[in-house]
C-alpha atoms as a PDB file:
ATOM      1  CA  UNK A   1     107.868 104.372 133.974  1.00  0.00           C
ATOM      2  CA  UNK A   2     105.837 101.161 134.029  1.00  0.00           C
ATOM      3  CA  UNK A   3     105.681  99.553 130.479  1.00  0.00           C
ATOM      4  CA  UNK A   4     102.339  98.020 129.341  1.00  0.00           C
ATOM      5  CA  UNK A   5     102.781  94.644 127.757  1.00  0.00           C
ATOM      6  CA  UNK A   6      99.988  94.094 125.147  1.00  0.00           C
ATOM      7  CA  UNK A   7      99.430  91.755 122.113  1.00  0.00           C
ATOM      8  CA  UNK A   8      97.096  92.714 119.430  1.00  0.00           C
ATOM      9  CA  UNK A   9      96.203  91.585 115.972  1.00  0.00           C
ATOM     10  CA  UNK A  10      96.945  92.092 112.321  1.00  0.00           C
ATOM     11  CA  UNK A  11      96.825  90.080 108.196  1.00  0.00           C
ATOM     12  CA  UNK A  12      96.058  89.745 104.374  1.00  0.00           C
ATOM     13  CA  UNK A  13      96.610  88.708 108.464  1.00  0.00           C
ATOM     14  CA  UNK A  14      97.580  89.245 109.244  1.00  0.00           C
ATOM     15  CA  UNK A  15      99.578  91.630 109.968  1.00  0.00           C
ATOM     16  CA  UNK A  16     102.821  91.569 112.599  1.00  0.00           C
ATOM     17  CA  UNK A  17     104.212  88.510 114.153  1.00  0.00           C
ATOM     18  CA  UNK A  18     103.390  85.848 111.436  1.00  0.00           C
ATOM     19  CA  UNK A  19     102.861  88.618 108.915  1.00  0.00           C
ATOM     20  CA  UNK A  20     101.325  86.040 106.729  1.00  0.00           C
ATOM     21  CA  UNK A  21      99.687  88.764 104.730  1.00  0.00           C
ATOM     22  CA  UNK A  22      96.097  88.701 103.686  1.00  0.00           C
ATOM     23  CA  UNK A  23      97.106  90.555 100.524  1.00  0.00           C
ATOM     24  CA  UNK A  24      97.867  87.105  99.139  1.00  0.00           C
ATOM     25  CA  UNK A  25      96.119  84.451 101.456  1.00  0.00           C
ATOM     26  CA  UNK A  26      93.912  84.136 104.450  1.00  0.00           C
ATOM     27  CA  UNK A  27      96.110  83.900 107.547  1.00  0.00           C
ATOM     28  CA  UNK A  28      96.161  85.493 111.011  1.00  0.00           C
ATOM     29  CA  UNK A  29      98.539  88.270 111.815  1.00  0.00           C
ATOM     30  CA  UNK A  30      98.952  89.018 115.458  1.00  0.00           C
ATOM     31  CA  UNK A  31     101.618  91.313 116.847  1.00  0.00           C
ATOM     32  CA  UNK A  32     103.421  92.320 120.064  1.00  0.00           C
ATOM     33  CA  UNK A  33     103.347  95.578 121.908  1.00  0.00           C
ATOM     34  CA  UNK A  34     106.376  96.452 123.972  1.00  0.00           C
ATOM     35  CA  UNK A  35     104.964  99.396 125.755  1.00  0.00           C
ATOM     36  CA  UNK A  36     107.508 101.706 124.185  1.00  0.00           C
ATOM     37  CA  UNK A  37     106.450 103.678 121.024  1.00  0.00           C
ATOM     38  CA  UNK A  38     105.359 100.844 118.800  1.00  0.00           C
ATOM     39  CA  UNK A  39     104.068  99.993 115.340  1.00  0.00           C
ATOM     40  CA  UNK A  40     100.884  98.268 114.179  1.00  0.00           C
ATOM     41  CA  UNK A  41     102.129  95.439 111.909  1.00  0.00           C
ATOM     42  CA  UNK A  42     105.618  95.103 112.632  1.00  0.00           C
ATOM     43  CA  UNK A  43     106.599  92.747 115.527  1.00  0.00           C
ATOM     44  CA  UNK A  44     109.246  93.857 117.871  1.00  0.00           C
ATOM     45  CA  UNK A  45     111.666  91.537 119.821  1.00  0.00           C
ATOM     46  CA  UNK A  46     110.173  92.158 123.269  1.00  0.00           C
ATOM     47  CA  UNK A  47     108.016  89.278 124.854  1.00  0.00           C
ATOM     48  CA  UNK A  48     105.284  89.253 127.521  1.00  0.00           C
ATOM     49  CA  UNK A  49     106.336  89.150 131.119  1.00  0.00           C
ATOM     50  CA  UNK A  50     105.870  85.802 132.699  1.00  0.00           C
ATOM     51  CA  UNK A  51     102.280  85.100 133.706  1.00  0.00           C
ATOM     52  CA  UNK A  52     100.665  87.860 131.658  1.00  0.00           C
ATOM     53  CA  UNK A  53      97.674  86.998 129.348  1.00  0.00           C
ATOM     54  CA  UNK A  54      96.465  89.187 126.500  1.00  0.00           C
ATOM     55  CA  UNK A  55      93.422  89.005 124.203  1.00  0.00           C
ATOM     56  CA  UNK A  56      92.928  90.984 121.085  1.00  0.00           C
ATOM     57  CA  UNK A  57      90.662  91.314 118.019  1.00  0.00           C
ATOM     58  CA  UNK A  58      91.154  93.230 114.749  1.00  0.00           C
ATOM     59  CA  UNK A  59      89.346  93.839 111.407  1.00  0.00           C
ATOM     60  CA  UNK A  60      91.333  94.156 108.115  1.00  0.00           C
ATOM     61  CA  UNK A  61      89.878  95.343 105.016  1.00  0.00           C
ATOM     62  CA  UNK A  62      91.574  95.108 101.604  1.00  0.00           C
ATOM     63  CA  UNK A  63      90.088  96.851  98.430  1.00  0.00           C
ATOM     64  CA  UNK A  64      91.421  95.569  95.199  1.00  0.00           C
ATOM     65  CA  UNK A  65      91.727  96.920  91.667  1.00  0.00           C
ATOM     66  CA  UNK A  66      89.431  94.516  89.766  1.00  0.00           C
ATOM     67  CA  UNK A  67      90.234  93.152  86.414  1.00  0.00           C
ATOM     68  CA  UNK A  68      87.908  94.556  83.858  1.00  0.00           C
ATOM     69  CA  UNK A  69      85.369  92.183  82.303  1.00  0.00           C
ATOM     70  CA  UNK A  70      86.751  92.857  78.819  1.00  0.00           C
ATOM     71  CA  UNK A  71      90.126  91.739  79.840  1.00  0.00           C
ATOM     72  CA  UNK A  72      88.668  88.556  81.653  1.00  0.00           C
ATOM     73  CA  UNK A  73      86.801  87.732  78.476  1.00  0.00           C
ATOM     74  CA  UNK A  74      89.958  87.917  76.418  1.00  0.00           C
ATOM     75  CA  UNK A  75      91.840  85.680  78.994  1.00  0.00           C
ATOM     76  CA  UNK A  76      88.901  83.311  79.006  1.00  0.00           C
ATOM     77  CA  UNK A  77      89.229  83.043  75.183  1.00  0.00           C
ATOM     78  CA  UNK A  78      92.806  82.185  75.637  1.00  0.00           C
ATOM     79  CA  UNK A  79      92.033  79.516  78.241  1.00  0.00           C
ATOM     80  CA  UNK A  80      93.889  81.447  81.024  1.00  0.00           C
ATOM     81  CA  UNK A  81      92.996  80.531  84.641  1.00  0.00           C
ATOM     82  CA  UNK A  82      92.506  84.127  86.055  1.00  0.00           C
ATOM     83  CA  UNK A  83      90.347  85.448  88.808  1.00  0.00           C
ATOM     84  CA  UNK A  84      89.522  88.926  90.024  1.00  0.00           C
ATOM     85  CA  UNK A  85      88.612  89.728  93.673  1.00  0.00           C
ATOM     86  CA  UNK A  86      86.672  92.977  94.720  1.00  0.00           C
ATOM     87  CA  UNK A  87      87.679  92.998  98.363  1.00  0.00           C
ATOM     88  CA  UNK A  88      88.731  90.988 101.375  1.00  0.00           C
ATOM     89  CA  UNK A  89      87.565  91.283 104.955  1.00  0.00           C
ATOM     90  CA  UNK A  90      89.283  89.464 107.699  1.00  0.00           C
ATOM     91  CA  UNK A  91      88.241  89.556 111.386  1.00  0.00           C
ATOM     92  CA  UNK A  92      90.817  87.913 113.750  1.00  0.00           C
ATOM     93  CA  UNK A  93      90.846  87.018 117.395  1.00  0.00           C
ATOM     94  CA  UNK A  94      94.031  86.198 119.235  1.00  0.00           C
ATOM     95  CA  UNK A  95      95.399  85.426 122.527  1.00  0.00           C
ATOM     96  CA  UNK A  96      98.901  84.972 124.038  1.00  0.00           C
ATOM     97  CA  UNK A  97     100.523  83.900 127.423  1.00  0.00           C
ATOM     98  CA  UNK A  98     104.027  84.723 128.824  1.00  0.00           C
ATOM     99  CA  UNK A  99     105.218  81.323 129.821  1.00  0.00           C
ATOM    100  CA  UNK A 100     108.490  83.075 130.989  1.00  0.00           C
ATOM    101  CA  UNK A 101     109.946  86.556 130.660  1.00  0.00           C
ATOM    102  CA  UNK A 102     111.571  85.420 127.526  1.00  0.00           C
ATOM    103  CA  UNK A 103     109.110  83.056 126.016  1.00  0.00           C
ATOM    104  CA  UNK A 104     105.533  83.810 124.746  1.00  0.00           C
ATOM    105  CA  UNK A 105     102.987  81.253 123.365  1.00  0.00           C
ATOM    106  CA  UNK A 106      99.881  82.356 121.440  1.00  0.00           C
ATOM    107  CA  UNK A 107      97.332  81.508 118.985  1.00  0.00           C
ATOM    108  CA  UNK A 108      95.206  83.442 116.461  1.00  0.00           C
ATOM    109  CA  UNK A 109      92.078  82.535 114.378  1.00  0.00           C
ATOM    110  CA  UNK A 110      90.533  84.611 111.512  1.00  0.00           C
ATOM    111  CA  UNK A 111      87.175  84.818 109.802  1.00  0.00           C
ATOM    112  CA  UNK A 112      87.556  85.491 106.169  1.00  0.00           C
ATOM    113  CA  UNK A 113      85.239  86.906 103.429  1.00  0.00           C
ATOM    114  CA  UNK A 114      86.175  87.520  99.831  1.00  0.00           C
ATOM    115  CA  UNK A 115      83.621  89.529  97.928  1.00  0.00           C
ATOM    116  CA  UNK A 116      82.857  89.846  94.123  1.00  0.00           C
ATOM    117  CA  UNK A 117      84.891  86.999  92.897  1.00  0.00           C
ATOM    118  CA  UNK A 118      84.919  86.825  88.919  1.00  0.00           C
ATOM    119  CA  UNK A 119      86.761  84.489  86.690  1.00  0.00           C
ATOM    120  CA  UNK A 120      87.839  84.221  83.217  1.00  0.00           C
ATOM    121  CA  UNK A 121      85.726  81.416  81.471  1.00  0.00           C
ATOM    122  CA  UNK A 122      85.947  79.709  78.138  1.00  0.00           C
ATOM    123  CA  UNK A 123      82.643  78.670  76.711  1.00  0.00           C
ATOM    124  CA  UNK A 124      83.270  76.701  73.492  1.00  0.00           C
ATOM    125  CA  UNK A 125      86.036  79.157  72.294  1.00  0.00           C
ATOM    126  CA  UNK A 126      84.148  82.308  73.573  1.00  0.00           C
ATOM    127  CA  UNK A 127      85.536  84.204  76.425  1.00  0.00           C
ATOM    128  CA  UNK A 128      83.402  85.147  79.394  1.00  0.00           C
ATOM    129  CA  UNK A 129      83.650  87.144  82.577  1.00  0.00           C
ATOM    130  CA  UNK A 130      81.718  84.840  85.078  1.00  0.00           C
ATOM    131  CA  UNK A 131      80.524  86.050  88.482  1.00  0.00           C
ATOM    132  CA  UNK A 132      81.521  83.416  91.132  1.00  0.00           C
ATOM    133  CA  UNK A 133      80.077  85.166  94.126  1.00  0.00           C
ATOM    134  CA  UNK A 134      81.417  85.503  97.634  1.00  0.00           C
ATOM    135  CA  UNK A 135      83.395  83.091  99.687  1.00  0.00           C
ATOM    136  CA  UNK A 136      83.015  83.310 103.445  1.00  0.00           C
ATOM    137  CA  UNK A 137      83.994  81.178 106.450  1.00  0.00           C
ATOM    138  CA  UNK A 138      86.480  80.489 109.243  1.00  0.00           C
ATOM    139  CA  UNK A 139      90.163  80.621 108.392  1.00  0.00           C
ATOM    140  CA  UNK A 140      92.985  78.464 109.635  1.00  0.00           C
ATOM    141  CA  UNK A 141      94.161  78.523 113.264  1.00  0.00           C
ATOM    142  CA  UNK A 142      97.756  79.726 113.740  1.00  0.00           C
ATOM    143  CA  UNK A 143      99.895  78.687 116.672  1.00  0.00           C
ATOM    144  CA  UNK A 144     102.951  80.605 117.480  1.00  0.00           C
ATOM    145  CA  UNK A 145     105.838  81.204 119.820  1.00  0.00           C
ATOM    146  CA  UNK A 146     108.325  84.093 120.328  1.00  0.00           C
ATOM    147  CA  UNK A 147     111.482  83.294 122.265  1.00  0.00           C
ATOM    148  CA  UNK A 148     113.729  86.435 123.083  1.00  0.00           C
ATOM    149  CA  UNK A 149     117.380  85.343 123.215  1.00  0.00           C
ATOM    150  CA  UNK A 150     118.897  88.766 123.636  1.00  0.00           C
ATOM    151  CA  UNK A 151     117.861  92.021 125.594  1.00  0.00           C
ATOM    152  CA  UNK A 152     119.320  94.958 127.318  1.00  0.00           C
ATOM    153  CA  UNK A 153     117.837  98.318 128.339  1.00  0.00           C
ATOM    154  CA  UNK A 154     117.228  99.474 124.802  1.00  0.00           C
ATOM    155  CA  UNK A 155     117.173  96.431 122.502  1.00  0.00           C
ATOM    156  CA  UNK A 156     115.436  93.070 122.132  1.00  0.00           C
ATOM    157  CA  UNK A 157     115.917  90.378 119.632  1.00  0.00           C
ATOM    158  CA  UNK A 158     113.583  87.197 119.335  1.00  0.00           C
ATOM    159  CA  UNK A 159     113.061  84.119 117.350  1.00  0.00           C
ATOM    160  CA  UNK A 160     109.647  83.704 115.860  1.00  0.00           C
ATOM    161  CA  UNK A 161     108.313  80.240 115.037  1.00  0.00           C
ATOM    162  CA  UNK A 162     105.008  78.344 114.729  1.00  0.00           C
ATOM    163  CA  UNK A 163     102.592  76.524 112.337  1.00  0.00           C
ATOM    164  CA  UNK A 164      99.265  77.389 110.540  1.00  0.00           C
ATOM    165  CA  UNK A 165      97.014  74.446 110.801  1.00  0.00           C
ATOM    166  CA  UNK A 166      94.347  73.248 108.305  1.00  0.00           C
ATOM    167  CA  UNK A 167      91.198  73.961 110.317  1.00  0.00           C
ATOM    168  CA  UNK A 168      89.590  76.495 108.024  1.00  0.00           C
ATOM    169  CA  UNK A 169      86.747  76.022 105.578  1.00  0.00           C
ATOM    170  CA  UNK A 170      87.544  74.461 102.197  1.00  0.00           C
ATOM    171  CA  UNK A 171      84.082  73.697 100.808  1.00  0.00           C
ATOM    172  CA  UNK A 172      82.743  77.138  99.775  1.00  0.00           C
ATOM    173  CA  UNK A 173      80.862  76.893  96.439  1.00  0.00           C
ATOM    174  CA  UNK A 174      80.419  79.356  93.611  1.00  0.00           C
ATOM    175  CA  UNK A 175      76.978  80.623  92.479  1.00  0.00           C
ATOM    176  CA  UNK A 176      76.917  77.871  89.880  1.00  0.00           C
ATOM    177  CA  UNK A 177      77.505  75.168  92.524  1.00  0.00           C
ATOM    178  CA  UNK A 178      81.127  74.313  91.774  1.00  0.00           C
ATOM    179  CA  UNK A 179      83.731  74.575  94.463  1.00  0.00           C
ATOM    180  CA  UNK A 180      85.798  77.765  94.562  1.00  0.00           C
ATOM    181  CA  UNK A 181      89.485  77.143  93.833  1.00  0.00           C
ATOM    182  CA  UNK A 182      91.975  76.787  96.805  1.00  0.00           C
ATOM    183  CA  UNK A 183      93.130  80.296  96.837  1.00  0.00           C
ATOM    184  CA  UNK A 184      89.523  81.573  97.187  1.00  0.00           C
ATOM    185  CA  UNK A 185      88.600  79.171 100.009  1.00  0.00           C
ATOM    186  CA  UNK A 186      88.754  80.511 103.786  1.00  0.00           C
ATOM    187  CA  UNK A 187      91.156  77.845 104.690  1.00  0.00           C
ATOM    188  CA  UNK A 188      94.072  76.299 102.703  1.00  0.00           C
ATOM    189  CA  UNK A 189      93.983  72.648 103.887  1.00  0.00           C
ATOM    190  CA  UNK A 190      97.719  72.585 104.479  1.00  0.00           C
ATOM    191  CA  UNK A 191     100.120  72.440 107.326  1.00  0.00           C
ATOM    192  CA  UNK A 192     102.421  75.522 107.014  1.00  0.00           C
ATOM    193  CA  UNK A 193     105.321  76.002 109.354  1.00  0.00           C
ATOM    194  CA  UNK A 194     107.167  79.339 109.730  1.00  0.00           C
ATOM    195  CA  UNK A 195     110.215  80.750 111.333  1.00  0.00           C
ATOM    196  CA  UNK A 196     111.633  84.270 111.641  1.00  0.00           C
ATOM    197  CA  UNK A 197     113.397  86.903 113.555  1.00  0.00           C
ATOM    198  CA  UNK A 198     112.127  90.143 115.281  1.00  0.00           C
ATOM    199  CA  UNK A 199     113.952  93.105 116.894  1.00  0.00           C
ATOM    200  CA  UNK A 200     113.477  96.561 118.370  1.00  0.00           C
ATOM    201  CA  UNK A 201     115.550  99.512 119.493  1.00  0.00           C
ATOM    202  CA  UNK A 202     114.229 102.075 121.947  1.00  0.00           C
ATOM    203  CA  UNK A 203     115.341 105.649 121.925  1.00  0.00           C
ATOM    204  CA  UNK A 204     113.101 107.273 124.527  1.00  0.00           C
ATOM    205  CA  UNK A 205     110.075 108.510 122.644  1.00  0.00           C
ATOM    206  CA  UNK A 206     111.271 107.130 119.358  1.00  0.00           C
ATOM    207  CA  UNK A 207     111.365 103.422 118.469  1.00  0.00           C
ATOM    208  CA  UNK A 208     112.574 101.260 115.682  1.00  0.00           C
ATOM    209  CA  UNK A 209     111.404  97.763 114.983  1.00  0.00           C
ATOM    210  CA  UNK A 210     111.720  94.997 112.343  1.00  0.00           C
ATOM    211  CA  UNK A 211     110.950  91.419 111.655  1.00  0.00           C
ATOM    212  CA  UNK A 212     111.204  88.884 108.852  1.00  0.00           C
ATOM    213  CA  UNK A 213     109.248  85.683 108.542  1.00  0.00           C
ATOM    214  CA  UNK A 214     109.425  82.714 106.072  1.00  0.00           C
ATOM    215  CA  UNK A 215     106.547  80.376 105.753  1.00  0.00           C
ATOM    216  CA  UNK A 216     107.079  76.959 104.178  1.00  0.00           C
ATOM    217  CA  UNK A 217     103.725  76.393 102.384  1.00  0.00           C
ATOM    218  CA  UNK A 218     102.779  72.713 101.839  1.00  0.00           C
ATOM    219  CA  UNK A 219     100.188  71.095  99.471  1.00  0.00           C
ATOM    220  CA  UNK A 220      96.638  71.458 100.737  1.00  0.00           C
ATOM    221  CA  UNK A 221      93.068  71.222  99.466  1.00  0.00           C
ATOM    222  CA  UNK A 222      92.510  70.482  95.645  1.00  0.00           C
ATOM    223  CA  UNK A 223      96.214  69.380  95.448  1.00  0.00           C
ATOM    224  CA  UNK A 224      97.184  72.960  95.527  1.00  0.00           C
ATOM    225  CA  UNK A 225     100.392  74.527  96.991  1.00  0.00           C
ATOM    226  CA  UNK A 226      99.712  78.175  97.298  1.00  0.00           C
ATOM    227  CA  UNK A 227     103.388  79.049  97.339  1.00  0.00           C
ATOM    228  CA  UNK A 228     106.027  79.825 100.011  1.00  0.00           C
ATOM    229  CA  UNK A 229     105.712  83.285 101.641  1.00  0.00           C
ATOM    230  CA  UNK A 230     108.419  85.760 102.757  1.00  0.00           C
ATOM    231  CA  UNK A 231     107.242  88.662 104.913  1.00  0.00           C
ATOM    232  CA  UNK A 232     109.289  91.668 105.964  1.00  0.00           C
ATOM    233  CA  UNK A 233     108.300  94.611 108.013  1.00  0.00           C
ATOM    234  CA  UNK A 234     110.158  97.821 109.212  1.00  0.00           C
ATOM    235  CA  UNK A 235     108.666 100.581 111.459  1.00  0.00           C
ATOM    236  CA  UNK A 236     109.709 103.892 113.033  1.00  0.00           C
ATOM    237  CA  UNK A 237     107.400 105.114 115.753  1.00  0.00           C
ATOM    238  CA  UNK A 238     107.000 108.084 118.073  1.00  0.00           C
ATOM    239  CA  UNK A 239     105.312 108.476 121.337  1.00  0.00           C
ATOM    240  CA  UNK A 240     103.430 111.729 120.676  1.00  0.00           C
ATOM    241  CA  UNK A 241     101.530 111.933 123.919  1.00  0.00           C
ATOM    242  CA  UNK A 242     102.021 110.899 127.439  1.00  0.00           C
ATOM    243  CA  UNK A 243     100.373 112.437 130.493  1.00  0.00           C
ATOM    244  CA  UNK A 244     102.482 114.632 132.772  1.00  0.00           C
ATOM    245  CA  UNK A 245     103.452 112.799 135.914  1.00  0.00           C
ATOM    246  CA  UNK A 246     104.289 109.465 134.145  1.00  0.00           C
ATOM    247  CA  UNK A 247     102.339 106.326 134.669  1.00  0.00           C
ATOM    248  CA  UNK A 248     101.732 106.650 138.424  1.00  0.00           C
ATOM    249  CA  UNK A 249      98.361 105.145 139.622  1.00  0.00           C
ATOM    250  CA  UNK A 250      97.927 108.488 141.510  1.00  0.00           C
ATOM    251  CA  UNK A 251      97.865 110.332 138.290  1.00  0.00           C
ATOM    252  CA  UNK A 252      94.510 112.056 137.711  1.00  0.00           C
ATOM    253  CA  UNK A 253      94.286 110.842 134.103  1.00  0.00           C
ATOM    254  CA  UNK A 254      94.647 107.277 135.222  1.00  0.00           C
ATOM    255  CA  UNK A 255      92.031 107.587 137.940  1.00  0.00           C
ATOM    256  CA  UNK A 256      89.638 108.716 135.192  1.00  0.00           C
ATOM    257  CA  UNK A 257      90.711 105.872 132.899  1.00  0.00           C
ATOM    258  CA  UNK A 258      91.647 108.398 130.220  1.00  0.00           C
ATOM    259  CA  UNK A 259      94.416 108.280 127.451  1.00  0.00           C
ATOM    260  CA  UNK A 260      97.705 106.715 128.734  1.00  0.00           C
ATOM    261  CA  UNK A 261      99.655 107.281 125.560  1.00  0.00           C
ATOM    262  CA  UNK A 262      99.406 107.951 121.977  1.00  0.00           C
ATOM    263  CA  UNK A 263     101.933 106.370 119.397  1.00  0.00           C
ATOM    264  CA  UNK A 264     102.379 107.377 115.874  1.00  0.00           C
ATOM    265  CA  UNK A 265     104.089 105.032 113.373  1.00  0.00           C
ATOM    266  CA  UNK A 266     105.242 104.660 109.906  1.00  0.00           C
ATOM    267  CA  UNK A 267     105.822 101.176 108.496  1.00  0.00           C
ATOM    268  CA  UNK A 268     106.833  99.247 105.439  1.00  0.00           C
ATOM    269  CA  UNK A 269     105.026  95.870 105.074  1.00  0.00           C
ATOM    270  CA  UNK A 270     106.420  93.697 102.397  1.00  0.00           C
ATOM    271  CA  UNK A 271     105.177  90.191 101.146  1.00  0.00           C
ATOM    272  CA  UNK A 272     106.781  88.019  98.482  1.00  0.00           C
ATOM    273  CA  UNK A 273     105.058  84.832  97.359  1.00  0.00           C
ATOM    274  CA  UNK A 274     106.008  82.124  95.209  1.00  0.00           C
ATOM    275  CA  UNK A 275     103.790  81.031  92.282  1.00  0.00           C
ATOM    276  CA  UNK A 276     101.164  78.435  93.402  1.00  0.00           C
ATOM    277  CA  UNK A 277     101.309  74.883  92.049  1.00  0.00           C
ATOM    278  CA  UNK A 278      98.289  72.642  91.154  1.00  0.00           C
ATOM    279  CA  UNK A 279      99.200  68.967  90.788  1.00  0.00           C
ATOM    280  CA  UNK A 280     102.778  70.007  90.733  1.00  0.00           C
ATOM    281  CA  UNK A 281     102.270  72.327  87.749  1.00  0.00           C
ATOM    282  CA  UNK A 282     103.174  75.939  88.327  1.00  0.00           C
ATOM    283  CA  UNK A 283     100.457  78.627  87.751  1.00  0.00           C
ATOM    284  CA  UNK A 284     101.654  81.683  85.699  1.00  0.00           C
ATOM    285  CA  UNK A 285      98.945  84.202  87.177  1.00  0.00           C
ATOM    286  CA  UNK A 286     100.086  83.822  90.918  1.00  0.00           C
ATOM    287  CA  UNK A 287     102.699  84.911  93.138  1.00  0.00           C
ATOM    288  CA  UNK A 288     104.668  88.193  93.249  1.00  0.00           C
ATOM    289  CA  UNK A 289     105.771  91.115  95.500  1.00  0.00           C
ATOM    290  CA  UNK A 290     103.557  93.661  97.349  1.00  0.00           C
ATOM    291  CA  UNK A 291     104.997  96.537  99.454  1.00  0.00           C
ATOM    292  CA  UNK A 292     102.715  98.747 101.497  1.00  0.00           C
ATOM    293  CA  UNK A 293     103.560 102.101 103.263  1.00  0.00           C
ATOM    294  CA  UNK A 294     101.494 102.124 106.461  1.00  0.00           C
ATOM    295  CA  UNK A 295     100.996 105.126 108.755  1.00  0.00           C
ATOM    296  CA  UNK A 296      99.137 104.342 111.843  1.00  0.00           C
ATOM    297  CA  UNK A 297      98.276 105.351 115.422  1.00  0.00           C
ATOM    298  CA  UNK A 298      97.756 103.508 118.636  1.00  0.00           C
ATOM    299  CA  UNK A 299      96.077 104.928 121.729  1.00  0.00           C
ATOM    300  CA  UNK A 300      96.599 103.293 125.273  1.00  0.00           C
ATOM    301  CA  UNK A 301      93.659 103.590 127.677  1.00  0.00           C
ATOM    302  CA  UNK A 302      94.736 102.969 131.247  1.00  0.00           C
ATOM    303  CA  UNK A 303      97.114 100.112 131.789  1.00  0.00           C
ATOM    304  CA  UNK A 304      94.932  97.319 130.132  1.00  0.00           C
ATOM    305  CA  UNK A 305      93.310  98.558 126.797  1.00  0.00           C
ATOM    306  CA  UNK A 306      94.955  99.569 123.623  1.00  0.00           C
ATOM    307  CA  UNK A 307      93.056 100.580 120.412  1.00  0.00           C
ATOM    308  CA  UNK A 308      94.789 101.108 116.984  1.00  0.00           C
ATOM    309  CA  UNK A 309      94.281 101.824 113.302  1.00  0.00           C
ATOM    310  CA  UNK A 310      96.530 101.687 110.187  1.00  0.00           C
ATOM    311  CA  UNK A 311      96.138 102.431 106.466  1.00  0.00           C
ATOM    312  CA  UNK A 312      98.298 100.764 103.891  1.00  0.00           C
ATOM    313  CA  UNK A 313      99.019 102.296 100.521  1.00  0.00           C
ATOM    314  CA  UNK A 314     100.913 100.228  97.870  1.00  0.00           C
ATOM    315  CA  UNK A 315     104.273 101.221  96.809  1.00  0.00           C
ATOM    316  CA  UNK A 316     105.047  98.079  94.990  1.00  0.00           C
ATOM    317  CA  UNK A 317     102.374  95.850  93.137  1.00  0.00           C
ATOM    318  CA  UNK A 318     104.591  93.500  91.162  1.00  0.00           C
ATOM    319  CA  UNK A 319     102.468  90.565  90.718  1.00  0.00           C
ATOM    320  CA  UNK A 320     102.991  87.783  88.158  1.00  0.00           C
ATOM    321  CA  UNK A 321     100.583  87.693  85.246  1.00  0.00           C
ATOM    322  CA  UNK A 322      97.073  88.993  85.692  1.00  0.00           C
ATOM    323  CA  UNK A 323      95.872  89.399  89.210  1.00  0.00           C
ATOM    324  CA  UNK A 324      93.798  91.810  91.210  1.00  0.00           C
ATOM    325  CA  UNK A 325      96.236  94.404  92.723  1.00  0.00           C
ATOM    326  CA  UNK A 326      95.926  96.008  96.214  1.00  0.00           C
ATOM    327  CA  UNK A 327      94.271  99.432  96.099  1.00  0.00           C
ATOM    328  CA  UNK A 328      94.432 100.030  99.789  1.00  0.00           C
ATOM    329  CA  UNK A 329      94.416  98.368 103.081  1.00  0.00           C
ATOM    330  CA  UNK A 330      92.605  99.535 106.393  1.00  0.00           C
ATOM    331  CA  UNK A 331      93.148  97.794 109.755  1.00  0.00           C
ATOM    332  CA  UNK A 332      91.631  98.584 113.160  1.00  0.00           C
ATOM    333  CA  UNK A 333      91.540  96.657 116.457  1.00  0.00           C
ATOM    334  CA  UNK A 334      91.931  96.493 120.187  1.00  0.00           C
ATOM    335  CA  UNK A 335      93.765  94.410 122.762  1.00  0.00           C
ATOM    336  CA  UNK A 336      93.209  93.869 126.514  1.00  0.00           C
ATOM    337  CA  UNK A 337      95.759  92.726 129.195  1.00  0.00           C
ATOM    338  CA  UNK A 338      94.491  90.440 131.806  1.00  0.00           C
END
């Protein structure tokens, strides 16, 4: 059976290789497809074959439980720096190239929108819930590599590494004219290297994959360090459909360009973030741990196209202080093999 090697996107990235999750910040989250039953956000250890190029795009939408106005007013009266966000929309494009059978290079770039940003404000001792507006713009370009150092017929293990570059917008302004704070900007203004591991184990129609990634976040715009990130993903997947006769080019389904496979997946996508620091002072209402349970489906169309969707439901929303918690996440996208 010929395997289809496809890369596709995540993130609150993405997610995912570089599962630098958009739950906390605006970063891309591309992922690799091995051709076996595969997940949406979890990166397996398999790499692209030498010379292959893939392109992908994905949309990620996160709905947040907004902080009520009355609570923001009380926090404003206490001079607490707290923000509420209604939703986040991230559209990411990504491309990757198989430099060798064991080494894949790639890049991803997100466009980010945060909607209905409100903030606690102190007006001469009186607390207010002030509408700051929406923040929109290009996010930070991420460059990544995946080096596979172990593989056999059923297993792959790879090293993940790369860097998020400060190319995104950092000058978005609130309705009143002031700059949005660093965490609401599309870009962070920081150089953030990351490193991690990815692995997969294929069992016929079943597959298991996992990856971990640690991002060393540095100080960026407005003297702000948004806090180091640790991402972890675990997925079980099942190839629910494949046409009779395998993947032969003489197969009638392929001749018509119809469905090549259908993969069902169930994932755990976790993100832990340290508290942010402004001018080396730690902010209480920042950082924490989010864990999503994410069922998904991916459909292969011929030997080149893949479309997919996933819904993330929070199991853990353990955030520090007062923050907008994730209500749900929806991801949809496609990838194309050149």
